[in-house]
Amino acid sequence: MSGQTEAKLVYMANQIARNLAHEPHPASAVADHLRTFWTPAMLRQIFAHLSAHGEDALDPVARTALAELATGRAPAPQTRATDPAQHGADAG
C-alpha cells in the first residue's frame, strides 16, 4: 500500500474523530465506527502505518479509539448508525 493511501486512512480517522466529538464517549464511538464500517484490510493498513511511523499525526480521540481496537476490544454500539436495534440487522 502506498504511503499516500495510509496517510489518507489517518486523515479519515481524524475526520471521524472530529465528527463524533459530540458523542458521550467519543473514543468508543470512533472505535465502533471504524470496526463497523472499515474493512479489516483498512484497519491492518492503518495499524501497520502507525507502527512504522508513529501516532503523532492522529487526533487524541482517534489514537485512543485505535488503541482500543488494537487490544481486540469491541465497543458496544455507540450511535444509531451502528446499533442494529435502531436500524435492524440488515442496514443495506
N, C-alpha and C. Protein backbone atom coordinates (compact mmCIF):
# COMPACT_ATOMS: atom_id res chain seq x y z
N MET A 1 0.85 -1.17 0.00
CA MET A 1 0.00 0.00 0.00
C MET A 1 0.89 1.23 0.00
N SER A 2 0.48 2.22 -0.70
CA SER A 2 1.29 3.43 -0.80
C SER A 2 1.18 4.27 0.46
N GLY A 3 2.21 5.06 0.70
CA GLY A 3 2.19 5.96 1.84
C GLY A 3 1.06 6.96 1.77
N GLN A 4 0.70 7.35 0.53
CA GLN A 4 -0.41 8.29 0.37
C GLN A 4 -1.72 7.68 0.86
N THR A 5 -1.94 6.41 0.53
CA THR A 5 -3.18 5.76 0.96
C THR A 5 -3.20 5.61 2.47
N GLU A 6 -2.07 5.24 3.05
CA GLU A 6 -2.01 5.10 4.50
C GLU A 6 -2.23 6.45 5.19
N ALA A 7 -1.65 7.49 4.61
CA ALA A 7 -1.86 8.84 5.16
C ALA A 7 -3.33 9.22 5.05
N LYS A 8 -3.99 8.79 4.00
CA LYS A 8 -5.42 9.07 3.82
C LYS A 8 -6.23 8.38 4.92
N LEU A 9 -5.83 7.17 5.32
CA LEU A 9 -6.53 6.48 6.40
C LEU A 9 -6.39 7.26 7.72
N VAL A 10 -5.21 7.80 7.97
CA VAL A 10 -5.00 8.63 9.16
C VAL A 10 -5.90 9.86 9.08
N TYR A 11 -5.93 10.49 7.91
CA TYR A 11 -6.79 11.67 7.70
C TYR A 11 -8.25 11.31 7.97
N MET A 12 -8.69 10.17 7.45
CA MET A 12 -10.08 9.75 7.63
C MET A 12 -10.38 9.48 9.10
N ALA A 13 -9.47 8.81 9.81
CA ALA A 13 -9.68 8.53 11.22
C ALA A 13 -9.81 9.84 12.01
N ASN A 14 -9.00 10.83 11.65
CA ASN A 14 -9.08 12.13 12.31
C ASN A 14 -10.41 12.83 12.01
N GLN A 15 -10.87 12.72 10.77
CA GLN A 15 -12.17 13.31 10.42
C GLN A 15 -13.29 12.67 11.24
N ILE A 16 -13.26 11.35 11.34
CA ILE A 16 -14.29 10.64 12.10
C ILE A 16 -14.25 11.09 13.56
N ALA A 17 -13.05 11.23 14.11
CA ALA A 17 -12.91 11.68 15.49
C ALA A 17 -13.51 13.07 15.68
N ARG A 18 -13.26 13.96 14.73
CA ARG A 18 -13.84 15.31 14.84
C ARG A 18 -15.36 15.27 14.72
N ASN A 19 -15.87 14.42 13.84
CA ASN A 19 -17.31 14.35 13.64
C ASN A 19 -18.05 13.71 14.80
N LEU A 20 -17.36 12.88 15.57
CA LEU A 20 -18.01 12.20 16.69
C LEU A 20 -17.61 12.78 18.04
N ALA A 21 -16.97 13.92 18.03
CA ALA A 21 -16.52 14.55 19.27
C ALA A 21 -17.68 14.89 20.21
N HIS A 22 -18.88 15.06 19.67
CA HIS A 22 -20.05 15.42 20.49
C HIS A 22 -20.66 14.22 21.21
N GLU A 23 -20.24 13.00 20.86
CA GLU A 23 -20.80 11.81 21.49
C GLU A 23 -20.40 11.75 22.97
N PRO A 24 -21.20 11.10 23.81
CA PRO A 24 -20.86 11.00 25.23
C PRO A 24 -19.49 10.33 25.47
N HIS A 25 -19.15 9.36 24.65
CA HIS A 25 -17.87 8.64 24.75
C HIS A 25 -17.23 8.65 23.36
N PRO A 26 -16.60 9.74 22.98
CA PRO A 26 -16.13 9.90 21.60
C PRO A 26 -15.15 8.81 21.14
N ALA A 27 -14.22 8.40 21.97
CA ALA A 27 -13.26 7.39 21.52
C ALA A 27 -13.96 6.06 21.25
N SER A 28 -14.91 5.71 22.10
CA SER A 28 -15.66 4.47 21.86
C SER A 28 -16.52 4.59 20.61
N ALA A 29 -17.08 5.77 20.37
CA ALA A 29 -17.88 5.97 19.16
C ALA A 29 -17.01 5.83 17.91
N VAL A 30 -15.79 6.37 17.97
CA VAL A 30 -14.88 6.25 16.82
C VAL A 30 -14.48 4.79 16.63
N ALA A 31 -14.14 4.11 17.71
CA ALA A 31 -13.78 2.69 17.60
C ALA A 31 -14.93 1.88 17.02
N ASP A 32 -16.14 2.15 17.48
CA ASP A 32 -17.33 1.47 16.97
C ASP A 32 -17.49 1.75 15.47
N HIS A 33 -17.33 2.99 15.07
CA HIS A 33 -17.47 3.35 13.66
C HIS A 33 -16.42 2.62 12.81
N LEU A 34 -15.18 2.65 13.25
CA LEU A 34 -14.11 2.01 12.49
C LEU A 34 -14.34 0.50 12.39
N ARG A 35 -14.71 -0.11 13.49
CA ARG A 35 -14.96 -1.56 13.49
C ARG A 35 -16.12 -1.93 12.58
N THR A 36 -17.13 -1.07 12.56
CA THR A 36 -18.33 -1.36 11.78
C THR A 36 -18.17 -1.08 10.29
N PHE A 37 -17.52 0.04 9.95
CA PHE A 37 -17.51 0.49 8.57
C PHE A 37 -16.19 0.32 7.82
N TRP A 38 -15.10 0.14 8.51
CA TRP A 38 -13.82 -0.07 7.83
C TRP A 38 -13.60 -1.55 7.62
N THR A 39 -12.98 -1.88 6.51
CA THR A 39 -12.65 -3.28 6.24
C THR A 39 -11.49 -3.71 7.12
N PRO A 40 -11.35 -5.01 7.35
CA PRO A 40 -10.19 -5.48 8.09
C PRO A 40 -8.87 -5.05 7.44
N ALA A 41 -8.84 -4.99 6.12
CA ALA A 41 -7.62 -4.54 5.43
C ALA A 41 -7.29 -3.10 5.76
N MET A 42 -8.28 -2.24 5.83
CA MET A 42 -8.05 -0.84 6.19
C MET A 42 -7.47 -0.73 7.59
N LEU A 43 -8.03 -1.51 8.52
CA LEU A 43 -7.52 -1.47 9.89
C LEU A 43 -6.09 -2.00 9.95
N ARG A 44 -5.81 -3.09 9.25
CA ARG A 44 -4.43 -3.61 9.22
C ARG A 44 -3.48 -2.57 8.67
N GLN A 45 -3.90 -1.88 7.62
CA GLN A 45 -3.04 -0.88 6.97
C GLN A 45 -2.76 0.29 7.90
N ILE A 46 -3.77 0.78 8.60
CA ILE A 46 -3.52 1.91 9.48
C ILE A 46 -2.67 1.48 10.67
N PHE A 47 -2.89 0.27 11.20
CA PHE A 47 -2.05 -0.20 12.30
C PHE A 47 -0.60 -0.35 11.86
N ALA A 48 -0.38 -0.88 10.66
CA ALA A 48 0.99 -1.03 10.14
C ALA A 48 1.64 0.34 9.95
N HIS A 49 0.87 1.27 9.42
CA HIS A 49 1.38 2.63 9.21
C HIS A 49 1.76 3.28 10.54
N LEU A 50 0.91 3.16 11.52
CA LEU A 50 1.17 3.76 12.82
C LEU A 50 2.35 3.09 13.51
N SER A 51 2.49 1.79 13.32
CA SER A 51 3.62 1.08 13.89
C SER A 51 4.93 1.55 13.27
N ALA A 52 4.91 1.81 11.98
CA ALA A 52 6.12 2.23 11.28
C ALA A 52 6.43 3.71 11.45
N HIS A 53 5.40 4.55 11.56
CA HIS A 53 5.59 6.00 11.53
C HIS A 53 5.18 6.72 12.81
N GLY A 54 4.61 6.01 13.76
CA GLY A 54 4.18 6.65 14.99
C GLY A 54 2.77 7.20 14.89
N GLU A 55 2.29 7.67 16.03
CA GLU A 55 0.90 8.12 16.13
C GLU A 55 0.76 9.63 16.23
N ASP A 56 1.83 10.36 16.00
CA ASP A 56 1.80 11.81 16.17
C ASP A 56 0.75 12.51 15.30
N ALA A 57 0.46 11.96 14.13
CA ALA A 57 -0.48 12.60 13.21
C ALA A 57 -1.94 12.36 13.60
N LEU A 58 -2.16 11.49 14.58
CA LEU A 58 -3.53 11.17 14.97
C LEU A 58 -4.09 12.15 16.00
N ASP A 59 -5.35 12.48 15.82
CA ASP A 59 -6.13 13.19 16.82
C ASP A 59 -6.13 12.32 18.09
N PRO A 60 -6.07 12.91 19.27
CA PRO A 60 -6.05 12.10 20.51
C PRO A 60 -7.24 11.13 20.62
N VAL A 61 -8.41 11.55 20.17
CA VAL A 61 -9.58 10.66 20.23
C VAL A 61 -9.40 9.48 19.28
N ALA A 62 -8.91 9.73 18.08
CA ALA A 62 -8.65 8.65 17.12
C ALA A 62 -7.58 7.72 17.66
N ARG A 63 -6.56 8.28 18.28
CA ARG A 63 -5.48 7.46 18.86
C ARG A 63 -6.04 6.51 19.91
N THR A 64 -6.90 7.03 20.79
CA THR A 64 -7.50 6.21 21.83
C THR A 64 -8.39 5.13 21.23
N ALA A 65 -9.16 5.49 20.22
CA ALA A 65 -10.04 4.53 19.55
C ALA A 65 -9.25 3.40 18.91
N LEU A 66 -8.18 3.75 18.20
CA LEU A 66 -7.37 2.73 17.55
C LEU A 66 -6.65 1.85 18.57
N ALA A 67 -6.24 2.43 19.67
CA ALA A 67 -5.62 1.64 20.73
C ALA A 67 -6.62 0.63 21.29
N GLU A 68 -7.86 1.08 21.43
CA GLU A 68 -8.93 0.20 21.91
C GLU A 68 -9.13 -0.96 20.93
N LEU A 69 -9.16 -0.66 19.66
CA LEU A 69 -9.34 -1.71 18.65
C LEU A 69 -8.13 -2.64 18.59
N ALA A 70 -6.94 -2.10 18.78
CA ALA A 70 -5.72 -2.91 18.71
C ALA A 70 -5.69 -3.97 19.80
N THR A 71 -6.35 -3.70 20.92
CA THR A 71 -6.38 -4.68 22.01
C THR A 71 -7.40 -5.78 21.76
N GLY A 72 -8.19 -5.62 20.71
CA GLY A 72 -9.20 -6.62 20.40
C GLY A 72 -10.53 -6.39 21.08
N ARG A 73 -10.63 -5.31 21.83
CA ARG A 73 -11.90 -4.99 22.49
C ARG A 73 -12.86 -4.40 21.46
N ALA A 74 -14.06 -4.94 21.40
CA ALA A 74 -15.07 -4.41 20.50
C ALA A 74 -16.05 -3.59 21.32
N PRO A 75 -16.12 -2.29 21.06
CA PRO A 75 -17.05 -1.47 21.84
C PRO A 75 -18.50 -1.80 21.50
N ALA A 76 -19.36 -1.56 22.44
CA ALA A 76 -20.79 -1.69 22.17
C ALA A 76 -21.19 -0.61 21.17
N PRO A 77 -22.28 -0.83 20.41
CA PRO A 77 -22.72 0.22 19.51
C PRO A 77 -22.88 1.53 20.25
N GLN A 78 -22.37 2.60 19.67
CA GLN A 78 -22.37 3.91 20.32
C GLN A 78 -23.36 4.89 19.68
N THR A 79 -23.73 4.65 18.45
CA THR A 79 -24.62 5.59 17.76
C THR A 79 -25.73 4.81 17.07
N ARG A 80 -26.76 5.52 16.70
CA ARG A 80 -27.86 4.88 15.98
C ARG A 80 -27.40 4.28 14.66
N ALA A 81 -26.37 4.84 14.06
CA ALA A 81 -25.89 4.35 12.77
C ALA A 81 -25.30 2.95 12.87
N THR A 82 -24.79 2.57 14.04
CA THR A 82 -24.18 1.25 14.16
C THR A 82 -24.93 0.31 15.10
N ASP A 83 -26.05 0.74 15.62
CA ASP A 83 -26.82 -0.08 16.55
C ASP A 83 -27.93 -0.83 15.80
N PRO A 84 -27.82 -2.17 15.70
CA PRO A 84 -28.84 -2.94 14.97
C PRO A 84 -30.24 -2.76 15.55
N ALA A 85 -30.35 -2.48 16.84
CA ALA A 85 -31.67 -2.29 17.44
C ALA A 85 -32.35 -1.04 16.86
N GLN A 86 -31.57 -0.10 16.38
CA GLN A 86 -32.13 1.14 15.84
C GLN A 86 -32.51 1.03 14.36
N HIS A 87 -31.75 0.22 13.60
CA HIS A 87 -31.98 0.18 12.15
C HIS A 87 -32.20 -1.22 11.61
N GLY A 88 -32.22 -2.23 12.45
CA GLY A 88 -32.38 -3.60 12.00
C GLY A 88 -31.02 -4.25 11.73
N ALA A 89 -31.03 -5.54 11.58
CA ALA A 89 -29.77 -6.27 11.40
C ALA A 89 -29.19 -6.09 10.01
N ASP A 90 -30.01 -5.75 9.03
CA ASP A 90 -29.53 -5.59 7.66
C ASP A 90 -29.73 -4.14 7.24
N ALA A 91 -28.66 -3.36 7.39
CA ALA A 91 -28.75 -1.93 7.06
C ALA A 91 -28.64 -1.69 5.57
N GLY A 92 -28.27 -2.69 4.83
CA GLY A 92 -28.06 -2.49 3.39
C GLY A 92 -29.31 -2.67 2.66
